[in-house]
Amino acid sequence: MKHRGWTFLTNHGHVLVCVSRDPDATIREIASCVGITERAVQAIVSDLEANETIARFRVGRRNRYVVRRDASFRHPVERELLVGQFVELLATEDREPATATTAS
């Protein structure tokens, strides 16, 4: 099957996953993780902060991001889902791979 260039998550979702995996990541590292420009990441981080989905703190010369796990999603379809549930599902790098089960 040919890859058509779409994904299930938006870049906002991808940035949120990257930040939850590495709260000390730089804008450059997040951009590399998601595959978008640093400028786009800065805009998304600002959006996520404005929506109170993440908080940004200065630690020395760097930023540290904290995902607000009790925040809700904005879209009516996901409004009852908490951000914490989302990142628990997607942000764990050491999770077991999904396996298909067959009936015997």
N, C-alpha and C. Protein backbone atom coordinates (compact mmCIF):
# COMPACT_ATOMS: atom_id res chain seq x y z
N MET A 1 0.83 -1.18 0.00
CA MET A 1 0.00 0.00 0.00
C MET A 1 0.88 1.24 0.00
N LYS A 2 0.56 2.19 -0.81
CA LYS A 2 1.34 3.41 -0.95
C LYS A 2 1.03 4.38 0.18
N HIS A 3 2.07 4.96 0.75
CA HIS A 3 1.92 5.97 1.81
C HIS A 3 1.41 7.26 1.18
N ARG A 4 0.32 7.79 1.70
CA ARG A 4 -0.30 8.98 1.12
C ARG A 4 0.04 10.26 1.86
N GLY A 5 0.85 10.21 2.90
CA GLY A 5 1.29 11.42 3.57
C GLY A 5 0.41 11.92 4.70
N TRP A 6 -0.61 11.16 5.10
CA TRP A 6 -1.42 11.62 6.22
C TRP A 6 -1.16 10.75 7.43
N THR A 7 -1.46 11.28 8.59
CA THR A 7 -1.32 10.52 9.85
C THR A 7 -2.58 10.73 10.67
N PHE A 8 -2.76 9.91 11.68
CA PHE A 8 -3.92 10.04 12.56
C PHE A 8 -3.81 11.25 13.48
N LEU A 9 -2.60 11.65 13.83
CA LEU A 9 -2.41 12.77 14.73
C LEU A 9 -1.98 14.02 13.97
N THR A 10 -2.34 15.17 14.51
CA THR A 10 -1.86 16.44 13.98
C THR A 10 -0.46 16.69 14.51
N ASN A 11 0.18 17.72 13.99
CA ASN A 11 1.49 18.10 14.51
C ASN A 11 1.39 18.52 15.98
N HIS A 12 0.26 19.08 16.39
CA HIS A 12 0.07 19.41 17.80
C HIS A 12 0.14 18.14 18.65
N GLY A 13 -0.50 17.09 18.20
CA GLY A 13 -0.45 15.82 18.92
C GLY A 13 0.95 15.24 18.96
N HIS A 14 1.66 15.34 17.84
CA HIS A 14 3.04 14.83 17.80
C HIS A 14 3.94 15.61 18.75
N VAL A 15 3.80 16.93 18.78
CA VAL A 15 4.61 17.75 19.69
C VAL A 15 4.30 17.37 21.13
N LEU A 16 3.04 17.19 21.45
CA LEU A 16 2.65 16.80 22.80
C LEU A 16 3.28 15.47 23.20
N VAL A 17 3.30 14.52 22.29
CA VAL A 17 3.92 13.22 22.57
C VAL A 17 5.42 13.39 22.79
N CYS A 18 6.09 14.15 21.94
CA CYS A 18 7.54 14.36 22.09
C CYS A 18 7.87 15.04 23.41
N VAL A 19 7.09 16.05 23.78
CA VAL A 19 7.32 16.77 25.04
C VAL A 19 7.08 15.84 26.23
N SER A 20 6.08 14.99 26.16
CA SER A 20 5.82 14.08 27.27
C SER A 20 6.92 13.04 27.40
N ARG A 21 7.53 12.66 26.30
CA ARG A 21 8.65 11.71 26.34
C ARG A 21 9.91 12.34 26.88
N ASP A 22 10.13 13.62 26.54
CA ASP A 22 11.35 14.31 26.96
C ASP A 22 11.04 15.75 27.32
N PRO A 23 10.69 16.01 28.59
CA PRO A 23 10.31 17.35 29.01
C PRO A 23 11.42 18.39 28.88
N ASP A 24 12.66 17.94 28.76
CA ASP A 24 13.79 18.86 28.63
C ASP A 24 14.24 19.05 27.18
N ALA A 25 13.49 18.52 26.23
CA ALA A 25 13.86 18.62 24.82
C ALA A 25 13.86 20.09 24.37
N THR A 26 14.79 20.40 23.50
CA THR A 26 14.84 21.74 22.92
C THR A 26 13.85 21.82 21.76
N ILE A 27 13.57 23.04 21.34
CA ILE A 27 12.70 23.24 20.18
C ILE A 27 13.28 22.50 18.98
N ARG A 28 14.58 22.56 18.82
CA ARG A 28 15.25 21.87 17.70
C ARG A 28 15.04 20.37 17.78
N GLU A 29 15.17 19.80 18.98
CA GLU A 29 14.98 18.36 19.15
C GLU A 29 13.54 17.96 18.89
N ILE A 30 12.60 18.78 19.34
CA ILE A 30 11.19 18.48 19.09
C ILE A 30 10.89 18.55 17.59
N ALA A 31 11.44 19.56 16.93
CA ALA A 31 11.25 19.71 15.48
C ALA A 31 11.78 18.49 14.74
N SER A 32 12.94 18.00 15.17
CA SER A 32 13.51 16.81 14.55
C SER A 32 12.65 15.58 14.81
N CYS A 33 12.13 15.46 16.02
CA CYS A 33 11.26 14.34 16.39
C CYS A 33 10.00 14.31 15.53
N VAL A 34 9.38 15.48 15.34
CA VAL A 34 8.11 15.57 14.62
C VAL A 34 8.31 15.63 13.11
N GLY A 35 9.44 16.22 12.69
CA GLY A 35 9.70 16.37 11.26
C GLY A 35 9.13 17.67 10.70
N ILE A 36 9.10 18.71 11.53
CA ILE A 36 8.63 20.02 11.10
C ILE A 36 9.68 21.07 11.47
N THR A 37 9.44 22.30 11.08
CA THR A 37 10.42 23.36 11.34
C THR A 37 10.38 23.78 12.81
N GLU A 38 11.47 24.40 13.25
CA GLU A 38 11.54 24.92 14.60
C GLU A 38 10.49 26.02 14.80
N ARG A 39 10.27 26.82 13.78
CA ARG A 39 9.27 27.88 13.87
C ARG A 39 7.87 27.29 14.08
N ALA A 40 7.58 26.21 13.38
CA ALA A 40 6.28 25.55 13.55
C ALA A 40 6.14 24.99 14.96
N VAL A 41 7.22 24.42 15.50
CA VAL A 41 7.19 23.89 16.87
C VAL A 41 6.95 25.03 17.86
N GLN A 42 7.62 26.15 17.67
CA GLN A 42 7.41 27.30 18.57
C GLN A 42 5.95 27.73 18.57
N ALA A 43 5.33 27.77 17.40
CA ALA A 43 3.92 28.16 17.31
C ALA A 43 3.03 27.14 18.02
N ILE A 44 3.33 25.85 17.83
CA ILE A 44 2.53 24.80 18.46
C ILE A 44 2.69 24.83 19.97
N VAL A 45 3.92 24.99 20.45
CA VAL A 45 4.16 25.09 21.89
C VAL A 45 3.38 26.27 22.47
N SER A 46 3.37 27.38 21.76
CA SER A 46 2.59 28.55 22.21
C SER A 46 1.10 28.22 22.26
N ASP A 47 0.60 27.51 21.24
CA ASP A 47 -0.81 27.09 21.24
C ASP A 47 -1.11 26.19 22.43
N LEU A 48 -0.24 25.22 22.67
CA LEU A 48 -0.46 24.28 23.77
C LEU A 48 -0.40 24.98 25.13
N GLU A 49 0.48 25.97 25.24
CA GLU A 49 0.54 26.76 26.47
C GLU A 49 -0.71 27.61 26.66
N ALA A 50 -1.16 28.27 25.59
CA ALA A 50 -2.34 29.12 25.65
C ALA A 50 -3.58 28.31 26.03
N ASN A 51 -3.64 27.06 25.60
CA ASN A 51 -4.75 26.17 25.91
C ASN A 51 -4.57 25.49 27.27
N GLU A 52 -3.45 25.80 27.93
CA GLU A 52 -3.10 25.20 29.22
C GLU A 52 -2.98 23.68 29.16
N THR A 53 -2.48 23.20 28.02
CA THR A 53 -2.21 21.78 27.86
C THR A 53 -0.82 21.44 28.36
N ILE A 54 0.11 22.40 28.21
CA ILE A 54 1.46 22.27 28.75
C ILE A 54 1.82 23.56 29.48
N ALA A 55 2.81 23.47 30.33
CA ALA A 55 3.39 24.65 30.98
C ALA A 55 4.88 24.64 30.67
N ARG A 56 5.44 25.82 30.50
CA ARG A 56 6.87 25.94 30.19
C ARG A 56 7.54 26.68 31.33
N PHE A 57 8.65 26.13 31.80
CA PHE A 57 9.42 26.73 32.89
C PHE A 57 10.87 26.88 32.46
N ARG A 58 11.48 27.96 32.88
CA ARG A 58 12.90 28.16 32.61
C ARG A 58 13.69 27.43 33.69
N VAL A 59 14.68 26.67 33.25
CA VAL A 59 15.61 26.01 34.15
C VAL A 59 16.99 26.38 33.63
N GLY A 60 17.59 27.38 34.28
CA GLY A 60 18.85 27.91 33.77
C GLY A 60 18.61 28.58 32.43
N ARG A 61 19.32 28.13 31.42
CA ARG A 61 19.18 28.69 30.08
C ARG A 61 18.24 27.88 29.20
N ARG A 62 17.64 26.86 29.76
CA ARG A 62 16.78 25.95 28.98
C ARG A 62 15.35 26.01 29.45
N ASN A 63 14.47 25.46 28.64
CA ASN A 63 13.07 25.32 29.01
C ASN A 63 12.81 23.88 29.44
N ARG A 64 11.88 23.74 30.34
CA ARG A 64 11.37 22.42 30.74
C ARG A 64 9.86 22.50 30.56
N TYR A 65 9.31 21.46 29.96
CA TYR A 65 7.87 21.43 29.69
C TYR A 65 7.20 20.44 30.61
N VAL A 66 6.03 20.80 31.09
CA VAL A 66 5.23 19.93 31.93
C VAL A 66 3.88 19.76 31.25
N VAL A 67 3.51 18.53 30.99
CA VAL A 67 2.22 18.24 30.37
C VAL A 67 1.16 18.30 31.47
N ARG A 68 0.14 19.08 31.25
CA ARG A 68 -0.98 19.18 32.19
C ARG A 68 -1.91 18.01 31.94
N ARG A 69 -1.70 16.95 32.66
CA ARG A 69 -2.39 15.69 32.43
C ARG A 69 -3.89 15.78 32.71
N ASP A 70 -4.30 16.77 33.49
CA ASP A 70 -5.72 16.93 33.81
C ASP A 70 -6.45 17.81 32.80
N ALA A 71 -5.74 18.32 31.79
CA ALA A 71 -6.36 19.16 30.76
C ALA A 71 -7.23 18.28 29.86
N SER A 72 -8.28 18.89 29.31
CA SER A 72 -9.16 18.20 28.38
C SER A 72 -8.85 18.63 26.95
N PHE A 73 -9.23 17.80 26.01
CA PHE A 73 -9.07 18.16 24.61
C PHE A 73 -10.14 19.17 24.20
N ARG A 74 -9.87 19.94 23.18
CA ARG A 74 -10.76 21.02 22.76
C ARG A 74 -11.91 20.54 21.88
N HIS A 75 -11.67 19.57 21.02
CA HIS A 75 -12.68 19.15 20.06
C HIS A 75 -13.80 18.39 20.78
N PRO A 76 -15.06 18.63 20.38
CA PRO A 76 -16.18 17.95 21.05
C PRO A 76 -16.09 16.42 21.04
N VAL A 77 -15.49 15.84 20.02
CA VAL A 77 -15.39 14.37 19.95
C VAL A 77 -14.49 13.83 21.06
N GLU A 78 -13.43 14.58 21.43
CA GLU A 78 -12.48 14.13 22.45
C GLU A 78 -12.59 14.89 23.76
N ARG A 79 -13.56 15.76 23.90
CA ARG A 79 -13.63 16.66 25.06
C ARG A 79 -13.60 15.92 26.39
N GLU A 80 -14.12 14.71 26.46
CA GLU A 80 -14.15 13.98 27.72
C GLU A 80 -12.85 13.21 27.99
N LEU A 81 -11.95 13.19 27.04
CA LEU A 81 -10.67 12.51 27.20
C LEU A 81 -9.66 13.47 27.81
N LEU A 82 -8.94 13.03 28.81
CA LEU A 82 -7.91 13.85 29.43
C LEU A 82 -6.58 13.69 28.69
N VAL A 83 -5.81 14.74 28.69
CA VAL A 83 -4.50 14.72 28.04
C VAL A 83 -3.63 13.62 28.64
N GLY A 84 -3.74 13.40 29.94
CA GLY A 84 -2.97 12.35 30.59
C GLY A 84 -3.25 10.97 30.01
N GLN A 85 -4.51 10.71 29.69
CA GLN A 85 -4.87 9.43 29.08
C GLN A 85 -4.23 9.29 27.71
N PHE A 86 -4.21 10.36 26.96
CA PHE A 86 -3.62 10.37 25.63
C PHE A 86 -2.12 10.09 25.69
N VAL A 87 -1.40 10.82 26.54
CA VAL A 87 0.05 10.63 26.58
C VAL A 87 0.42 9.29 27.18
N GLU A 88 -0.38 8.77 28.10
CA GLU A 88 -0.10 7.43 28.62
C GLU A 88 -0.19 6.40 27.51
N LEU A 89 -1.13 6.58 26.62
CA LEU A 89 -1.32 5.65 25.51
C LEU A 89 -0.18 5.73 24.50
N LEU A 90 0.27 6.93 24.18
CA LEU A 90 1.21 7.12 23.08
C LEU A 90 2.64 7.45 23.47
N ALA A 91 2.86 7.99 24.62
CA ALA A 91 4.18 8.54 24.92
C ALA A 91 5.15 7.55 25.54
N THR A 92 4.70 6.37 25.90
CA THR A 92 5.58 5.41 26.54
C THR A 92 6.42 4.70 25.49
N GLU A 93 7.71 4.97 25.51
CA GLU A 93 8.60 4.37 24.51
C GLU A 93 8.83 2.88 24.75
N ASP A 94 8.75 2.42 25.99
CA ASP A 94 9.06 1.03 26.29
C ASP A 94 7.83 0.14 26.36
N ARG A 95 6.74 0.58 25.74
CA ARG A 95 5.53 -0.24 25.76
C ARG A 95 5.71 -1.48 24.88
N GLU A 96 4.95 -2.51 25.22
CA GLU A 96 4.99 -3.75 24.45
C GLU A 96 4.32 -3.53 23.09
N PRO A 97 4.86 -4.10 22.02
CA PRO A 97 4.21 -3.97 20.73
C PRO A 97 2.88 -4.72 20.72
N ALA A 98 1.92 -4.17 20.00
CA ALA A 98 0.61 -4.81 19.88
C ALA A 98 0.76 -6.11 19.09
N THR A 99 0.07 -7.14 19.54
CA THR A 99 0.10 -8.40 18.80
C THR A 99 -1.32 -8.81 18.49
N ALA A 100 -1.49 -9.38 17.34
CA ALA A 100 -2.81 -9.85 16.93
C ALA A 100 -3.06 -11.21 17.58
N THR A 101 -4.28 -11.42 18.00
CA THR A 101 -4.63 -12.72 18.54
C THR A 101 -5.59 -13.40 17.56
N THR A 102 -5.48 -14.69 17.53
CA THR A 102 -6.36 -15.46 16.64
C THR A 102 -7.19 -16.41 17.47
N ALA A 103 -8.38 -16.69 17.03
CA ALA A 103 -9.24 -17.65 17.72
C ALA A 103 -8.77 -19.05 17.42
N SER A 104 -8.79 -19.90 18.44
CA SER A 104 -8.37 -21.29 18.23
C SER A 104 -9.55 -22.18 17.98
